[in-house]
Amino acid sequence: MRYIPNSQADRQQMLAEIGIDSTEQLFAGIPEKLRLRRFLDLPKALSEPELLEYFRKKASKNEIEPAAFIGAGIYRHYIPIIIDALISRSEFYTAYTPYQAEIAQGTLQAIFEFQTYIAQLTGMDVANASLYDGSTGLAEAVLMAQRITRKNKFLVARTVHPEYRAVVDTYAKNLGIQIELIGYAPDGRMNLEQLASKLDSNTAAVVVQSPNFFGTIERTHDVAEMAHKHDAMSITNVCEAISLGILKPAGEDQSEKRKADIVVGEAQSFGVAPSFGGPHVGFLATREKYVRQMPGRLVGMGKDFSGRRGFVLTLSTREQHIRREKATSNICTNQSLCALMATIYLAVVGPNGLREICEHNVLKTDYAVTQIRERTKFRVLFSAPRFNEFVIQNPVPSGEGGATAREAQVRAERKRDSAQPQEKDEASRKVEGLRSFGLPLARFYPELGNARLLCVTEINSREQIDRMVQGLAS
């Protein structure tokens, strides 16, 4: 049965419609001995996350659900149920491109709110109406910087997401853009000494990511200052958008020289499910002076002839709308439905709620790091401050008395399958811990050997973290 709340005035109006004055009259036909005259003896109400956790625990008696400790660009965060309820409305999920402002005010307003949130979170002057995803968004930022500076040399940190870098390489391949990688220092952040040695007057922009692929927080303002000394632009990439709720925005500083010129990234963490990798929603924010070089669309707010507030596509700089040679991008549309999810999420949690979520990420990550250091043989690499990801390394190389995570998992699964009934639960928990062993980094950073990237967010309970650590220790 659906619960539809109503006010006292609503109740009185409904009673008047059927010709009675009170609810007592409405239930007069029910015998007094059958009527309950006291409050129900119910336990204290649970919050939405607590209620879902209650049912998950009940369901776990039927099936063991492995906890996930993998991030690397796509993150599992709690998604309020209200998001699915609202985006399931047909006027949202069937909305078309808002060319005709007079019949698309709701869509345009939702996009405008998304732009406003992104501008506030990044500290920038203006944000566009979303992009396809974070990786193509970074490529668009590089092309934007090339148009503005008319230079082709880009210095990109190796700590930028490797797959984002691959997309940038694909875009740049036939455009004369030169990509030079800047290594990372022992603390896991961009090597500023190496950056200083490669910066020159031919540099178009410096690209850095924070938190970076290792989860460490970069010195984005120092990077921006170094870039601006050589008349280069500063581009900050953000894969983990939740971090914007607690970290100082790259576009915010007392000194103009220390502010980023473009902040670009992926907003999937704002209420968009991982969905096996997409669709997600990219964003790009910049300074007002660069607005006409910004890709995609920009929704603006104004007033009509009657003085009423209205929304309209202020800029839409793709080749369909203007002369082909003046187009900044061939982006065909924005991810308006995913952007709406992000907008609803940010409206629901609010600034205080977003910061609280960030604090949970930081504290749970710190707990996981501490437990791994104290209870396992694994080393936690990189000393720089981190958000919700960190790198661990097995001190015993594979093939020298040690085992890869996959080998350990296979052995654990065999033991589980052959275990006695009373030992099944413990064996299953060990397998669960090994399945959540993170992302192997050898593919992207061979110099790190058997290192792996782990991620802890607010949805990972202490019990899950302890099981994961137990799996690493065994």
Protein backbone atom coordinates (compact mmCIF):
# COMPACT_ATOMS: atom_id res chain seq x y z
CA MET A 1 0.00 0.00 0.00
CA ARG A 2 1.32 3.44 -0.87
CA TYR A 3 1.54 5.99 1.93
CA ILE A 4 0.32 9.41 0.78
CA PRO A 5 0.76 12.04 3.52
CA ASN A 6 -1.75 14.85 3.89
CA SER A 7 -2.10 17.93 6.09
CA GLN A 8 -4.83 18.69 8.60
CA ALA A 9 -6.39 21.07 6.09
CA ASP A 10 -6.38 18.28 3.48
CA ARG A 11 -8.16 15.95 5.93
CA GLN A 12 -10.81 18.51 6.78
CA GLN A 13 -11.48 19.14 3.09
CA MET A 14 -11.86 15.42 2.37
CA LEU A 15 -14.21 14.97 5.34
CA ALA A 16 -16.29 17.95 4.19
CA GLU A 17 -16.58 16.43 0.72
CA ILE A 18 -18.31 13.33 2.16
CA GLY A 19 -20.45 15.36 4.56
CA ILE A 20 -18.92 14.63 7.98
CA ASP A 21 -16.95 16.70 10.49
CA SER A 22 -14.38 14.33 12.01
CA THR A 23 -12.52 11.06 11.63
CA GLU A 24 -14.53 9.75 14.60
CA GLN A 25 -17.63 10.00 12.45
CA LEU A 26 -15.77 8.33 9.59
CA PHE A 27 -15.05 5.24 11.73
CA ALA A 28 -18.37 5.21 13.58
CA GLY A 29 -19.35 1.93 11.91
CA ILE A 30 -16.46 0.06 13.58
CA PRO A 31 -17.45 -1.48 16.95
CA GLU A 32 -15.73 0.16 19.90
CA LYS A 33 -14.23 -3.11 21.12
CA LEU A 34 -12.38 -3.49 17.81
CA ARG A 35 -10.91 0.00 17.81
CA LEU A 36 -7.35 0.58 19.05
CA ARG A 37 -7.17 3.50 21.47
CA ARG A 38 -3.44 3.44 22.13
CA PHE A 39 -0.26 3.93 20.14
CA LEU A 40 1.26 0.86 18.53
CA ASP A 41 4.21 -0.62 20.42
CA LEU A 42 6.72 -0.09 17.59
CA PRO A 43 10.49 0.29 17.83
CA LYS A 44 12.17 3.61 17.06
CA ALA A 45 12.09 4.51 13.38
CA LEU A 46 15.18 3.68 11.34
CA SER A 47 16.83 6.05 8.90
CA GLU A 48 16.79 5.09 5.23
CA PRO A 49 20.39 3.72 5.20
CA GLU A 50 19.74 1.82 8.46
CA LEU A 51 16.53 0.31 7.07
CA LEU A 52 18.28 -0.86 3.91
CA GLU A 53 21.13 -2.30 5.98
CA TYR A 54 18.57 -4.15 8.14
CA PHE A 55 17.08 -5.86 5.09
CA ARG A 56 20.54 -6.54 3.62
CA LYS A 57 21.50 -8.37 6.81
CA LYS A 58 18.31 -10.40 6.67
CA ALA A 59 18.95 -11.23 3.01
CA SER A 60 22.57 -12.15 3.74
CA LYS A 61 21.34 -15.28 5.52
CA ASN A 62 20.41 -16.61 2.09
CA GLU A 63 23.41 -15.40 0.10
CA ILE A 64 26.89 -14.08 0.82
CA GLU A 65 27.40 -10.76 -0.99
CA PRO A 66 31.07 -9.90 -1.48
CA ALA A 67 32.03 -6.43 -0.31
CA ALA A 68 33.80 -4.31 -2.91
CA PHE A 69 36.99 -2.37 -2.24
CA ILE A 70 37.66 -1.30 -5.83
CA GLY A 71 37.43 2.28 -7.08
CA ALA A 72 39.87 3.40 -9.79
CA GLY A 73 37.55 5.95 -11.34
CA ILE A 74 34.14 4.44 -10.59
CA TYR A 75 32.96 4.48 -6.99
CA ARG A 76 30.28 2.81 -4.90
CA HIS A 77 28.56 5.38 -2.71
CA TYR A 78 25.19 5.37 -1.04
CA ILE A 79 22.45 6.50 -3.45
CA PRO A 80 19.29 7.93 -1.81
CA ILE A 81 16.14 6.14 -2.98
CA ILE A 82 14.52 9.45 -3.89
CA ILE A 83 16.79 9.70 -6.94
CA ASP A 84 15.34 6.63 -8.64
CA ALA A 85 11.82 7.74 -7.71
CA LEU A 86 12.24 11.15 -9.33
CA ILE A 87 14.15 10.21 -12.47
CA SER A 88 11.57 7.51 -13.17
CA ARG A 89 9.05 10.23 -13.92
CA SER A 90 8.39 10.24 -17.66
CA GLU A 91 8.99 13.99 -18.06
CA PHE A 92 12.58 13.39 -16.97
CA TYR A 93 13.57 10.12 -18.60
CA THR A 94 11.97 11.00 -21.94
CA ALA A 95 13.21 14.59 -22.07
CA TYR A 96 14.67 15.61 -25.42
CA THR A 97 17.33 18.19 -26.23
CA PRO A 98 15.95 21.52 -24.96
CA TYR A 99 16.10 23.44 -28.24
CA GLN A 100 12.69 25.05 -27.68
CA ALA A 101 13.03 26.88 -24.38
CA GLU A 102 9.32 27.64 -24.15
CA ILE A 103 8.48 23.93 -23.73
CA ALA A 104 11.63 22.79 -21.90
CA GLN A 105 11.78 25.03 -18.83
CA GLY A 106 11.94 22.10 -16.39
CA THR A 107 14.82 20.43 -18.23
CA LEU A 108 16.68 23.72 -18.59
CA GLN A 109 16.26 24.57 -14.92
CA ALA A 110 17.56 21.16 -13.84
CA ILE A 111 20.63 21.63 -16.04
CA PHE A 112 21.12 25.16 -14.69
CA GLU A 113 21.08 23.81 -11.13
CA PHE A 114 23.66 21.17 -12.10
CA GLN A 115 25.93 23.89 -13.52
CA THR A 116 25.50 25.93 -10.33
CA TYR A 117 26.47 23.03 -8.07
CA ILE A 118 29.56 22.20 -10.14
CA ALA A 119 30.69 25.83 -10.20
CA GLN A 120 30.31 26.05 -6.41
CA LEU A 121 32.14 22.78 -5.75
CA THR A 122 35.06 23.55 -8.06
CA GLY A 123 35.39 27.24 -7.17
CA MET A 124 35.14 28.22 -10.83
CA ASP A 125 33.09 30.98 -12.48
CA VAL A 126 31.08 28.87 -14.88
CA ALA A 127 30.34 25.19 -15.63
CA ASN A 128 28.82 23.60 -18.69
CA ALA A 129 25.70 21.44 -19.00
CA SER A 130 27.70 18.23 -18.57
CA LEU A 131 29.78 16.09 -20.92
CA TYR A 132 29.72 12.39 -21.85
CA ASP A 133 32.04 11.25 -19.04
CA GLY A 134 35.22 12.17 -17.22
CA SER A 135 37.68 10.71 -19.72
CA THR A 136 36.29 12.47 -22.80
CA GLY A 137 35.82 15.56 -20.64
CA LEU A 138 39.57 15.65 -19.94
CA ALA A 139 40.27 15.33 -23.65
CA GLU A 140 37.92 18.26 -24.30
CA ALA A 141 39.78 20.29 -21.66
CA VAL A 142 43.08 19.64 -23.44
CA LEU A 143 41.60 20.72 -26.79
CA MET A 144 40.16 23.80 -25.10
CA ALA A 145 43.57 24.77 -23.70
CA GLN A 146 45.12 24.27 -27.14
CA ARG A 147 42.60 26.67 -28.68
CA ILE A 148 43.20 29.31 -26.00
CA THR A 149 47.01 29.18 -25.89
CA ARG A 150 47.66 28.13 -29.51
CA LYS A 151 50.39 25.87 -28.14
CA ASN A 152 50.74 22.11 -28.50
CA LYS A 153 52.90 20.94 -25.59
CA PHE A 154 51.05 19.42 -22.60
CA LEU A 155 52.64 18.17 -19.40
CA VAL A 156 50.46 15.44 -17.90
CA ALA A 157 51.05 13.81 -14.52
CA ARG A 158 51.46 10.02 -14.58
CA THR A 159 49.16 10.02 -11.57
CA VAL A 160 46.26 11.03 -13.82
CA HIS A 161 43.96 8.03 -14.40
CA PRO A 162 45.76 5.87 -17.03
CA GLU A 163 42.57 5.29 -19.03
CA TYR A 164 41.86 9.02 -19.07
CA ARG A 165 45.36 9.55 -20.42
CA ALA A 166 44.70 6.94 -23.11
CA VAL A 167 41.59 8.83 -24.25
CA VAL A 168 43.56 12.09 -24.35
CA ASP A 169 46.25 10.37 -26.44
CA THR A 170 43.61 9.19 -28.90
CA TYR A 171 42.20 12.70 -29.30
CA ALA A 172 45.65 14.28 -29.57
CA LYS A 173 47.18 11.74 -31.96
CA ASN A 174 46.34 13.53 -35.21
CA LEU A 175 46.12 17.10 -33.94
CA GLY A 176 49.80 17.85 -33.46
CA ILE A 177 49.45 17.78 -29.67
CA GLN A 178 52.54 16.60 -27.79
CA ILE A 179 51.97 14.81 -24.49
CA GLU A 180 54.87 14.60 -22.04
CA LEU A 181 54.40 12.65 -18.82
CA ILE A 182 55.58 13.90 -15.43
CA GLY A 183 56.48 11.19 -12.93
CA TYR A 184 55.47 10.92 -9.31
CA ALA A 185 57.53 11.61 -6.19
CA PRO A 186 58.07 9.08 -3.36
CA ASP A 187 55.04 10.50 -1.55
CA GLY A 188 52.76 9.53 -4.47
CA ARG A 189 52.16 13.03 -5.79
CA MET A 190 53.28 14.75 -8.98
CA ASN A 191 57.05 15.32 -9.03
CA LEU A 192 57.24 19.12 -8.93
CA GLU A 193 60.99 19.19 -9.55
CA GLN A 194 60.54 17.25 -12.77
CA LEU A 195 57.63 19.51 -13.70
CA ALA A 196 59.76 22.63 -13.17
CA SER A 197 62.48 21.22 -15.44
CA LYS A 198 60.06 20.63 -18.32
CA LEU A 199 57.99 23.80 -18.11
CA ASP A 200 58.84 26.39 -20.75
CA SER A 201 57.23 29.02 -22.94
CA ASN A 202 55.97 26.36 -25.36
CA THR A 203 53.83 24.63 -22.71
CA ALA A 204 50.10 24.96 -23.29
CA ALA A 205 48.93 23.45 -20.01
CA VAL A 206 49.79 21.25 -17.06
CA VAL A 207 47.32 18.46 -16.28
CA VAL A 208 47.08 17.10 -12.74
CA GLN A 209 44.48 14.95 -10.99
CA SER A 210 43.42 15.26 -7.36
CA PRO A 211 42.84 12.95 -5.64
CA ASN A 212 45.11 11.20 -8.10
CA PHE A 213 44.98 7.60 -9.31
CA PHE A 214 46.80 6.47 -6.15
CA GLY A 215 44.26 8.29 -3.99
CA THR A 216 46.74 10.91 -2.81
CA ILE A 217 45.81 14.59 -2.75
CA GLU A 218 47.85 16.71 -5.15
CA ARG A 219 49.14 20.24 -4.53
CA THR A 220 46.93 21.69 -7.25
CA HIS A 221 47.48 25.31 -6.28
CA ASP A 222 51.28 24.92 -6.38
CA VAL A 223 50.97 23.29 -9.80
CA ALA A 224 48.78 26.14 -11.05
CA GLU A 225 51.27 28.74 -9.82
CA MET A 226 54.16 26.98 -11.57
CA ALA A 227 52.20 26.71 -14.82
CA HIS A 228 51.16 30.36 -14.80
CA LYS A 229 54.76 31.53 -14.38
CA HIS A 230 55.36 30.14 -17.88
CA ASP A 231 52.06 31.46 -19.30
CA ALA A 232 50.69 27.92 -19.36
CA MET A 233 47.20 26.92 -18.25
CA SER A 234 46.41 24.69 -15.30
CA ILE A 235 43.95 21.82 -15.75
CA THR A 236 42.78 19.86 -12.70
CA ASN A 237 41.06 16.54 -13.28
CA VAL A 238 38.70 15.03 -10.68
CA CYS A 239 37.70 11.36 -10.90
CA GLU A 240 36.26 11.12 -7.40
CA ALA A 241 33.72 13.96 -7.27
CA ILE A 242 32.70 13.26 -3.66
CA SER A 243 36.10 14.64 -2.61
CA LEU A 244 34.98 18.10 -3.70
CA GLY A 245 32.88 18.20 -0.54
CA ILE A 246 35.95 18.44 1.70
CA LEU A 247 39.01 19.43 -0.34
CA LYS A 248 39.83 23.06 -1.11
CA PRO A 249 38.57 23.72 -4.66
CA ALA A 250 41.29 23.98 -7.30
CA GLY A 251 39.61 27.15 -8.59
CA GLU A 252 39.59 28.88 -5.22
CA ASP A 253 42.54 30.80 -3.77
CA GLN A 254 43.41 34.33 -2.66
CA SER A 255 45.97 34.55 -5.45
CA GLU A 256 44.75 34.42 -9.05
CA LYS A 257 48.04 32.80 -10.04
CA ARG A 258 47.31 29.79 -7.84
CA LYS A 259 43.87 29.06 -9.27
CA ALA A 260 43.23 26.38 -11.87
CA ASP A 261 41.99 27.55 -15.27
CA ILE A 262 39.90 24.45 -15.99
CA VAL A 263 38.49 21.88 -13.58
CA VAL A 264 37.14 18.81 -15.35
CA GLY A 265 36.06 15.39 -14.20
CA GLU A 266 33.50 12.69 -13.57
CA ALA A 267 30.40 13.26 -11.38
CA GLN A 268 29.36 9.59 -11.13
CA SER A 269 29.86 9.62 -7.35
CA PHE A 270 26.95 12.04 -7.03
CA GLY A 271 24.11 9.53 -7.00
CA VAL A 272 24.86 7.72 -10.28
CA ALA A 273 25.20 3.94 -9.98
CA PRO A 274 28.42 2.28 -11.22
CA SER A 275 26.29 0.42 -13.79
CA PHE A 276 29.18 -1.75 -15.03
CA GLY A 277 30.96 1.38 -16.26
CA GLY A 278 28.29 3.76 -17.54
CA PRO A 279 26.62 5.82 -18.72
CA HIS A 280 28.03 8.44 -16.41
CA VAL A 281 28.35 12.22 -16.50
CA GLY A 282 31.36 14.42 -17.14
CA PHE A 283 31.65 18.06 -16.11
CA LEU A 284 33.86 20.98 -17.07
CA ALA A 285 34.18 24.28 -15.23
CA THR A 286 36.35 27.23 -16.14
CA ARG A 287 36.93 30.94 -15.71
CA GLU A 288 34.43 33.34 -17.23
CA LYS A 289 36.95 34.76 -19.69
CA TYR A 290 37.25 31.35 -21.35
CA VAL A 291 33.52 30.67 -21.58
CA ARG A 292 33.35 30.95 -25.38
CA GLN A 293 36.00 28.26 -25.75
CA MET A 294 34.12 25.86 -23.48
CA PRO A 295 32.77 22.69 -25.18
CA GLY A 296 29.18 21.58 -25.02
CA ARG A 297 26.28 23.65 -23.83
CA LEU A 298 25.64 26.35 -21.26
CA VAL A 299 22.20 27.06 -19.83
CA GLY A 300 21.57 30.60 -18.63
CA MET A 301 18.87 32.26 -16.55
CA GLY A 302 17.08 35.48 -17.41
CA LYS A 303 13.63 37.08 -17.50
CA ASP A 304 10.91 37.14 -20.12
CA PHE A 305 8.95 40.22 -21.23
CA SER A 306 6.67 39.83 -18.21
CA GLY A 307 9.57 39.79 -15.79
CA ARG A 308 9.23 36.11 -14.99
CA ARG A 309 12.32 33.96 -14.47
CA GLY A 310 13.20 31.84 -17.48
CA PHE A 311 15.96 29.52 -18.70
CA VAL A 312 17.52 29.25 -22.14
CA LEU A 313 20.50 27.73 -23.94
CA THR A 314 22.93 30.64 -23.70
CA LEU A 315 25.78 28.91 -25.52
CA SER A 316 25.65 25.80 -27.68
CA THR A 317 28.92 25.78 -29.53
CA ARG A 318 28.75 22.59 -31.54
CA GLU A 319 28.96 22.46 -35.30
CA GLN A 320 25.22 21.93 -35.75
CA HIS A 321 24.47 25.40 -34.40
CA ILE A 322 27.30 27.57 -35.75
CA ARG A 323 29.81 27.60 -38.57
CA ARG A 324 31.73 24.34 -38.56
CA GLU A 325 35.17 25.96 -38.29
CA LYS A 326 34.06 27.96 -35.23
CA ALA A 327 32.76 24.96 -33.30
CA THR A 328 34.55 24.08 -30.07
CA SER A 329 33.29 20.49 -29.95
CA ASN A 330 31.24 17.93 -31.82
CA ILE A 331 29.52 16.80 -28.62
CA CYS A 332 25.98 15.94 -29.68
CA THR A 333 24.26 16.12 -26.32
CA ASN A 334 24.81 16.38 -22.60
CA GLN A 335 24.15 13.55 -20.18
CA SER A 336 21.07 15.32 -18.85
CA LEU A 337 19.50 12.33 -17.05
CA CYS A 338 22.72 11.44 -15.22
CA ALA A 339 23.29 15.15 -14.54
CA LEU A 340 19.80 15.24 -13.03
CA MET A 341 20.74 12.32 -10.75
CA ALA A 342 23.77 14.30 -9.57
CA THR A 343 21.66 17.41 -9.06
CA ILE A 344 19.06 15.58 -6.98
CA TYR A 345 21.82 13.92 -4.94
CA LEU A 346 23.50 17.24 -4.12
CA ALA A 347 20.16 18.86 -3.28
CA VAL A 348 19.22 15.97 -0.97
CA VAL A 349 22.49 15.65 0.97
CA GLY A 350 23.24 19.40 1.10
CA PRO A 351 26.65 20.92 1.91
CA ASN A 352 26.78 19.60 5.49
CA GLY A 353 25.71 16.13 4.45
CA LEU A 354 28.27 16.04 1.65
CA ARG A 355 31.05 16.98 4.04
CA GLU A 356 29.88 14.33 6.53
CA ILE A 357 30.02 11.70 3.77
CA CYS A 358 33.55 12.84 2.93
CA GLU A 359 34.57 12.55 6.57
CA HIS A 360 33.25 8.97 6.66
CA ASN A 361 35.39 8.19 3.59
CA VAL A 362 38.49 9.68 5.20
CA LEU A 363 38.01 8.02 8.58
CA LYS A 364 37.18 4.58 7.20
CA THR A 365 40.13 4.73 4.82
CA ASP A 366 42.42 5.66 7.70
CA TYR A 367 41.04 2.74 9.72
CA ALA A 368 41.67 0.32 6.83
CA VAL A 369 45.22 1.61 6.33
CA THR A 370 45.98 1.31 10.05
CA GLN A 371 44.62 -2.24 10.24
CA ILE A 372 46.56 -3.37 7.16
CA ARG A 373 49.78 -1.93 8.59
CA GLU A 374 49.26 -3.54 12.00
CA ARG A 375 47.76 -6.91 11.06
CA THR A 376 49.28 -7.86 7.70
CA LYS A 377 52.64 -8.05 5.98
CA PHE A 378 51.53 -5.66 3.25
CA ARG A 379 53.13 -2.25 2.90
CA VAL A 380 51.01 0.84 2.35
CA LEU A 381 52.78 2.94 -0.25
CA PHE A 382 52.94 6.74 -0.48
CA SER A 383 52.88 9.05 2.52
CA ALA A 384 50.93 11.98 1.09
CA PRO A 385 47.44 12.73 2.44
CA ARG A 386 44.83 10.54 0.81
CA PHE A 387 41.09 10.51 0.31
CA ASN A 388 39.45 7.07 -0.09
CA GLU A 389 42.03 5.12 -2.10
CA PHE A 390 45.46 3.81 -1.26
CA VAL A 391 48.11 1.48 -2.66
CA ILE A 392 49.34 -1.66 -0.91
CA GLN A 393 52.23 -3.90 -1.89
CA ASN A 394 53.12 -7.45 -0.95
CA PRO A 395 56.74 -7.42 0.26
CA VAL A 396 57.16 -11.01 -0.98
CA PRO A 397 57.28 -10.99 -4.81
CA SER A 398 55.10 -13.50 -6.65
CA GLY A 399 57.03 -16.64 -7.51
CA GLU A 400 59.40 -16.27 -4.55
CA GLY A 401 57.37 -17.87 -1.83
CA GLY A 402 54.55 -15.40 -2.28
CA ALA A 403 51.32 -15.67 -4.25
CA THR A 404 49.34 -13.34 -6.43
CA ALA A 405 45.91 -12.31 -5.22
CA ARG A 406 44.28 -14.48 -7.86
CA GLU A 407 46.33 -17.52 -6.82
CA ALA A 408 45.40 -16.94 -3.18
CA GLN A 409 41.74 -16.58 -4.09
CA VAL A 410 41.73 -19.81 -6.11
CA ARG A 411 43.33 -21.70 -3.21
CA ALA A 412 40.82 -20.22 -0.77
CA GLU A 413 37.89 -21.17 -3.02
CA ARG A 414 39.17 -24.77 -3.21
CA LYS A 415 39.42 -24.94 0.59
CA ARG A 416 35.93 -23.52 0.91
CA ASP A 417 34.47 -26.06 -1.49
CA SER A 418 36.10 -28.96 0.37
CA ALA A 419 35.44 -27.63 3.87
CA GLN A 420 33.15 -29.29 6.36
CA PRO A 421 29.68 -27.69 6.79
CA GLN A 422 30.61 -26.07 10.08
CA GLU A 423 33.69 -24.50 8.44
CA LYS A 424 31.88 -23.21 5.34
CA ASP A 425 31.05 -19.78 6.74
CA GLU A 426 34.63 -19.00 7.75
CA ALA A 427 35.95 -20.26 4.42
CA SER A 428 33.41 -18.15 2.52
CA ARG A 429 34.42 -15.03 4.47
CA LYS A 430 38.03 -15.58 3.52
CA VAL A 431 37.12 -15.86 -0.15
CA GLU A 432 35.08 -12.68 0.18
CA GLY A 433 38.07 -10.81 1.56
CA LEU A 434 40.31 -11.98 -1.29
CA ARG A 435 37.77 -11.12 -3.98
CA SER A 436 37.83 -7.53 -2.76
CA PHE A 437 41.60 -7.31 -3.01
CA GLY A 438 41.55 -4.22 -5.22
CA LEU A 439 42.96 -3.41 -8.64
CA PRO A 440 46.37 -4.77 -9.75
CA LEU A 441 48.61 -1.88 -10.80
CA ALA A 442 51.27 -3.76 -12.77
CA ARG A 443 49.37 -3.12 -16.00
CA PHE A 444 49.65 0.65 -15.59
CA TYR A 445 52.67 1.03 -13.30
CA PRO A 446 54.97 -1.98 -13.82
CA GLU A 447 57.60 -0.45 -11.55
CA LEU A 448 55.24 -1.02 -8.59
CA GLY A 449 55.33 -4.79 -9.07
CA ASN A 450 52.54 -6.60 -7.26
CA ALA A 451 51.02 -3.41 -5.81
CA ARG A 452 47.26 -3.07 -5.76
CA LEU A 453 44.85 -0.15 -5.43
CA LEU A 454 42.20 -0.39 -2.72
CA CYS A 455 39.21 1.87 -2.14
CA VAL A 456 37.09 2.39 0.97
CA THR A 457 33.92 4.50 0.92
CA GLU A 458 31.15 5.28 3.39
CA ILE A 459 29.21 2.13 2.44
CA ASN A 460 31.98 -0.18 3.65
CA SER A 461 31.27 -1.22 7.22
CA ARG A 462 33.91 -1.89 9.87
CA GLU A 463 32.98 -5.57 9.73
CA GLN A 464 33.62 -5.66 5.97
CA ILE A 465 36.96 -3.87 6.36
CA ASP A 466 38.01 -6.30 9.09
CA ARG A 467 37.13 -9.27 6.87
CA MET A 468 39.12 -7.79 4.01
CA VAL A 469 42.12 -7.28 6.29
CA GLN A 470 41.74 -10.83 7.59
CA GLY A 471 41.82 -12.07 4.00
CA LEU A 472 45.06 -10.17 3.39
CA ALA A 473 46.61 -11.44 6.60
CA SER A 474 45.83 -15.13 6.00
